[in-house]
């Protein structure tokens, strides 16, 4: 499975879902830490906010392309170093 196909599955698995952040999940821990660091709220445009938006609305085609490209590049780099 390539990176952009796996992204929605990974987001859901860590707790960023269409219904919101899953209680007691890794996503809930991230959101809690972000809220504490920002005085009680999660900042718009933060990593946590972007991940929740992607989990809630799905990942747009352009973002899929970026994620796929980044994943491919990371895989190529890792295979170079481990070969």
N, C-alpha and C. Protein backbone atom coordinates (compact mmCIF):
# COMPACT_ATOMS: atom_id res chain seq x y z
N UNK A 1 0.86 -1.17 0.00
CA UNK A 1 0.00 0.00 0.00
C UNK A 1 0.90 1.23 0.00
N UNK A 2 0.62 2.17 -0.87
CA UNK A 2 1.46 3.35 -0.91
C UNK A 2 1.04 4.37 0.15
N UNK A 3 1.87 5.36 0.30
CA UNK A 3 1.71 6.31 1.40
C UNK A 3 0.39 7.05 1.36
N UNK A 4 0.01 7.59 0.19
CA UNK A 4 -1.22 8.39 0.19
C UNK A 4 -2.45 7.53 0.37
N UNK A 5 -2.41 6.28 -0.02
CA UNK A 5 -3.56 5.40 0.22
C UNK A 5 -3.67 5.04 1.69
N UNK A 6 -2.52 4.95 2.36
CA UNK A 6 -2.52 4.57 3.77
C UNK A 6 -2.85 5.74 4.70
N UNK A 7 -2.69 6.97 4.24
CA UNK A 7 -2.87 8.13 5.11
C UNK A 7 -4.23 8.16 5.82
N UNK A 8 -5.35 7.97 5.12
CA UNK A 8 -6.63 7.99 5.83
C UNK A 8 -6.74 6.87 6.87
N UNK A 9 -6.18 5.72 6.56
CA UNK A 9 -6.21 4.60 7.51
C UNK A 9 -5.39 4.92 8.75
N UNK A 10 -4.24 5.51 8.54
CA UNK A 10 -3.36 5.86 9.67
C UNK A 10 -4.01 6.94 10.52
N UNK A 11 -4.59 7.95 9.87
CA UNK A 11 -5.27 9.02 10.63
C UNK A 11 -6.37 8.44 11.50
N UNK A 12 -7.17 7.55 10.94
CA UNK A 12 -8.24 6.92 11.71
C UNK A 12 -7.70 6.05 12.83
N UNK A 13 -6.63 5.33 12.56
CA UNK A 13 -6.05 4.43 13.55
C UNK A 13 -5.51 5.17 14.76
N UNK A 14 -4.99 6.38 14.55
CA UNK A 14 -4.47 7.14 15.70
C UNK A 14 -5.53 8.01 16.36
N UNK A 15 -6.74 8.07 15.75
CA UNK A 15 -7.84 8.75 16.42
C UNK A 15 -8.38 9.99 15.75
N UNK A 16 -7.88 10.38 14.57
CA UNK A 16 -8.42 11.52 13.85
C UNK A 16 -9.48 11.00 12.88
N UNK A 17 -10.76 11.10 13.27
CA UNK A 17 -11.83 10.51 12.48
C UNK A 17 -12.83 11.56 12.00
N UNK A 18 -13.73 11.14 11.13
CA UNK A 18 -14.77 12.03 10.62
C UNK A 18 -15.69 12.50 11.75
N UNK A 19 -15.81 11.71 12.80
CA UNK A 19 -16.66 12.07 13.93
C UNK A 19 -15.94 12.94 14.96
N UNK A 20 -14.66 13.17 14.75
CA UNK A 20 -13.87 13.95 15.69
C UNK A 20 -12.75 13.12 16.27
N UNK A 21 -12.10 13.63 17.28
CA UNK A 21 -10.99 12.93 17.91
C UNK A 21 -11.55 11.83 18.81
N UNK A 22 -11.01 10.63 18.65
CA UNK A 22 -11.46 9.49 19.45
C UNK A 22 -10.91 9.60 20.86
N UNK A 23 -11.79 9.42 21.85
CA UNK A 23 -11.37 9.49 23.25
C UNK A 23 -10.29 8.47 23.56
N UNK A 24 -9.35 8.83 24.39
CA UNK A 24 -8.26 7.98 24.86
C UNK A 24 -7.34 7.49 23.75
N UNK A 25 -7.29 8.22 22.64
CA UNK A 25 -6.43 7.83 21.52
C UNK A 25 -5.16 8.67 21.53
N UNK A 26 -4.23 8.32 20.63
CA UNK A 26 -3.02 9.11 20.46
C UNK A 26 -3.41 10.53 20.03
N UNK A 27 -4.41 10.65 19.17
CA UNK A 27 -4.87 11.96 18.72
C UNK A 27 -5.38 12.79 19.90
N UNK A 28 -6.08 12.16 20.83
CA UNK A 28 -6.58 12.87 22.01
C UNK A 28 -5.41 13.38 22.86
N UNK A 29 -4.36 12.58 22.97
CA UNK A 29 -3.17 13.02 23.71
C UNK A 29 -2.52 14.21 23.03
N UNK A 30 -2.41 14.16 21.70
CA UNK A 30 -1.83 15.27 20.95
C UNK A 30 -2.66 16.54 21.13
N UNK A 31 -3.98 16.39 21.05
CA UNK A 31 -4.86 17.54 21.16
C UNK A 31 -4.78 18.14 22.57
N UNK A 32 -4.71 17.28 23.57
CA UNK A 32 -4.61 17.76 24.94
C UNK A 32 -3.31 18.53 25.15
N UNK A 33 -2.21 17.98 24.65
CA UNK A 33 -0.92 18.66 24.80
C UNK A 33 -0.91 20.00 24.07
N UNK A 34 -1.50 20.04 22.88
CA UNK A 34 -1.56 21.28 22.11
C UNK A 34 -2.41 22.32 22.84
N UNK A 35 -3.52 21.88 23.43
CA UNK A 35 -4.40 22.80 24.15
C UNK A 35 -3.70 23.37 25.39
N UNK A 36 -2.99 22.53 26.12
CA UNK A 36 -2.27 22.99 27.31
C UNK A 36 -1.20 23.99 26.91
N UNK A 37 -0.48 23.70 25.82
CA UNK A 37 0.60 24.58 25.37
C UNK A 37 0.08 25.92 24.86
N UNK A 38 -1.16 25.94 24.41
CA UNK A 38 -1.73 27.18 23.85
C UNK A 38 -2.76 27.83 24.76
N UNK A 39 -2.73 27.53 26.03
CA UNK A 39 -3.62 28.19 26.98
C UNK A 39 -5.06 27.74 26.90
N UNK A 40 -5.31 26.52 26.46
CA UNK A 40 -6.66 25.99 26.49
C UNK A 40 -7.30 25.72 25.15
N UNK A 41 -6.69 26.11 24.07
CA UNK A 41 -7.26 25.87 22.74
C UNK A 41 -6.21 25.35 21.78
N UNK A 42 -6.66 24.70 20.75
CA UNK A 42 -5.76 24.23 19.70
C UNK A 42 -5.70 25.31 18.64
N UNK A 43 -4.50 25.76 18.34
CA UNK A 43 -4.32 26.85 17.38
C UNK A 43 -4.71 26.43 15.97
N UNK A 44 -5.45 27.30 15.30
CA UNK A 44 -5.79 27.06 13.89
C UNK A 44 -4.50 26.99 13.10
N UNK A 45 -4.43 26.03 12.19
CA UNK A 45 -3.24 25.89 11.37
C UNK A 45 -2.14 25.06 12.00
N UNK A 46 -2.35 24.61 13.24
CA UNK A 46 -1.34 23.77 13.90
C UNK A 46 -1.38 22.37 13.30
N UNK A 47 -0.38 21.58 13.62
CA UNK A 47 -0.32 20.20 13.12
C UNK A 47 -1.55 19.42 13.57
N UNK A 48 -1.92 19.57 14.83
CA UNK A 48 -3.09 18.84 15.35
C UNK A 48 -4.35 19.27 14.61
N UNK A 49 -4.51 20.55 14.38
CA UNK A 49 -5.69 21.04 13.65
C UNK A 49 -5.71 20.51 12.22
N UNK A 50 -4.55 20.50 11.58
CA UNK A 50 -4.48 20.00 10.20
C UNK A 50 -4.77 18.51 10.13
N UNK A 51 -4.25 17.74 11.07
CA UNK A 51 -4.53 16.30 11.09
C UNK A 51 -6.00 16.02 11.34
N UNK A 52 -6.62 16.79 12.24
CA UNK A 52 -8.05 16.58 12.50
C UNK A 52 -8.87 16.96 11.28
N UNK A 53 -8.51 18.04 10.62
CA UNK A 53 -9.23 18.44 9.41
C UNK A 53 -9.12 17.36 8.34
N UNK A 54 -7.94 16.80 8.19
CA UNK A 54 -7.74 15.73 7.21
C UNK A 54 -8.53 14.49 7.61
N UNK A 55 -8.55 14.17 8.89
CA UNK A 55 -9.32 13.02 9.35
C UNK A 55 -10.81 13.22 9.20
N UNK A 56 -11.28 14.44 9.41
CA UNK A 56 -12.71 14.73 9.34
C UNK A 56 -13.22 14.85 7.91
N UNK A 57 -12.46 15.51 7.06
CA UNK A 57 -12.94 15.79 5.71
C UNK A 57 -12.31 14.92 4.65
N UNK A 58 -11.36 14.12 5.05
CA UNK A 58 -10.62 13.35 4.06
C UNK A 58 -9.45 14.19 3.56
N UNK A 59 -8.60 13.57 2.82
CA UNK A 59 -7.43 14.26 2.32
C UNK A 59 -7.66 14.61 0.85
N UNK A 60 -7.58 15.89 0.49
CA UNK A 60 -7.80 16.29 -0.90
C UNK A 60 -6.76 15.68 -1.84
N UNK A 61 -7.09 15.61 -3.11
CA UNK A 61 -6.20 15.00 -4.11
C UNK A 61 -4.82 15.65 -4.13
N UNK A 62 -4.75 16.95 -4.02
CA UNK A 62 -3.45 17.63 -4.04
C UNK A 62 -2.60 17.20 -2.85
N UNK A 63 -3.22 17.09 -1.69
CA UNK A 63 -2.48 16.65 -0.50
C UNK A 63 -2.05 15.19 -0.66
N UNK A 64 -2.90 14.37 -1.27
CA UNK A 64 -2.52 12.98 -1.53
C UNK A 64 -1.27 12.92 -2.39
N UNK A 65 -1.20 13.78 -3.39
CA UNK A 65 -0.03 13.80 -4.27
C UNK A 65 1.22 14.19 -3.50
N UNK A 66 1.10 15.19 -2.62
CA UNK A 66 2.25 15.62 -1.82
C UNK A 66 2.67 14.52 -0.87
N UNK A 67 1.71 13.89 -0.21
CA UNK A 67 2.02 12.82 0.74
C UNK A 67 2.67 11.65 0.01
N UNK A 68 2.12 11.30 -1.14
CA UNK A 68 2.69 10.20 -1.93
C UNK A 68 4.10 10.49 -2.37
N UNK A 69 4.35 11.70 -2.82
CA UNK A 69 5.69 12.09 -3.25
C UNK A 69 6.66 12.07 -2.08
N UNK A 70 6.25 12.62 -0.95
CA UNK A 70 7.12 12.64 0.23
C UNK A 70 7.40 11.22 0.71
N UNK A 71 6.39 10.39 0.71
CA UNK A 71 6.58 9.00 1.13
C UNK A 71 7.52 8.26 0.19
N UNK A 72 7.37 8.49 -1.10
CA UNK A 72 8.26 7.86 -2.08
C UNK A 72 9.69 8.31 -1.90
N UNK A 73 9.87 9.60 -1.68
CA UNK A 73 11.22 10.14 -1.48
C UNK A 73 11.84 9.59 -0.20
N UNK A 74 11.04 9.50 0.85
CA UNK A 74 11.55 8.96 2.11
C UNK A 74 11.93 7.49 1.95
N UNK A 75 11.10 6.73 1.24
CA UNK A 75 11.40 5.33 1.00
C UNK A 75 12.67 5.16 0.18
N UNK A 76 12.84 5.99 -0.83
CA UNK A 76 14.05 5.92 -1.67
C UNK A 76 15.29 6.27 -0.84
N UNK A 77 15.18 7.29 0.00
CA UNK A 77 16.32 7.68 0.83
C UNK A 77 16.68 6.57 1.81
N UNK A 78 15.68 5.99 2.43
CA UNK A 78 15.95 4.92 3.40
C UNK A 78 16.55 3.70 2.71
N UNK A 79 16.05 3.34 1.54
CA UNK A 79 16.60 2.19 0.84
C UNK A 79 18.04 2.45 0.41
N UNK A 80 18.36 3.70 0.08
CA UNK A 80 19.74 4.05 -0.27
C UNK A 80 20.68 3.82 0.90
N UNK A 81 20.25 4.25 2.10
CA UNK A 81 21.11 4.12 3.26
C UNK A 81 21.18 2.70 3.79
N UNK A 82 20.14 1.91 3.57
CA UNK A 82 20.13 0.54 4.07
C UNK A 82 20.60 -0.47 3.04
N UNK A 83 20.97 -0.01 1.86
CA UNK A 83 21.44 -0.94 0.81
C UNK A 83 22.92 -1.14 0.90
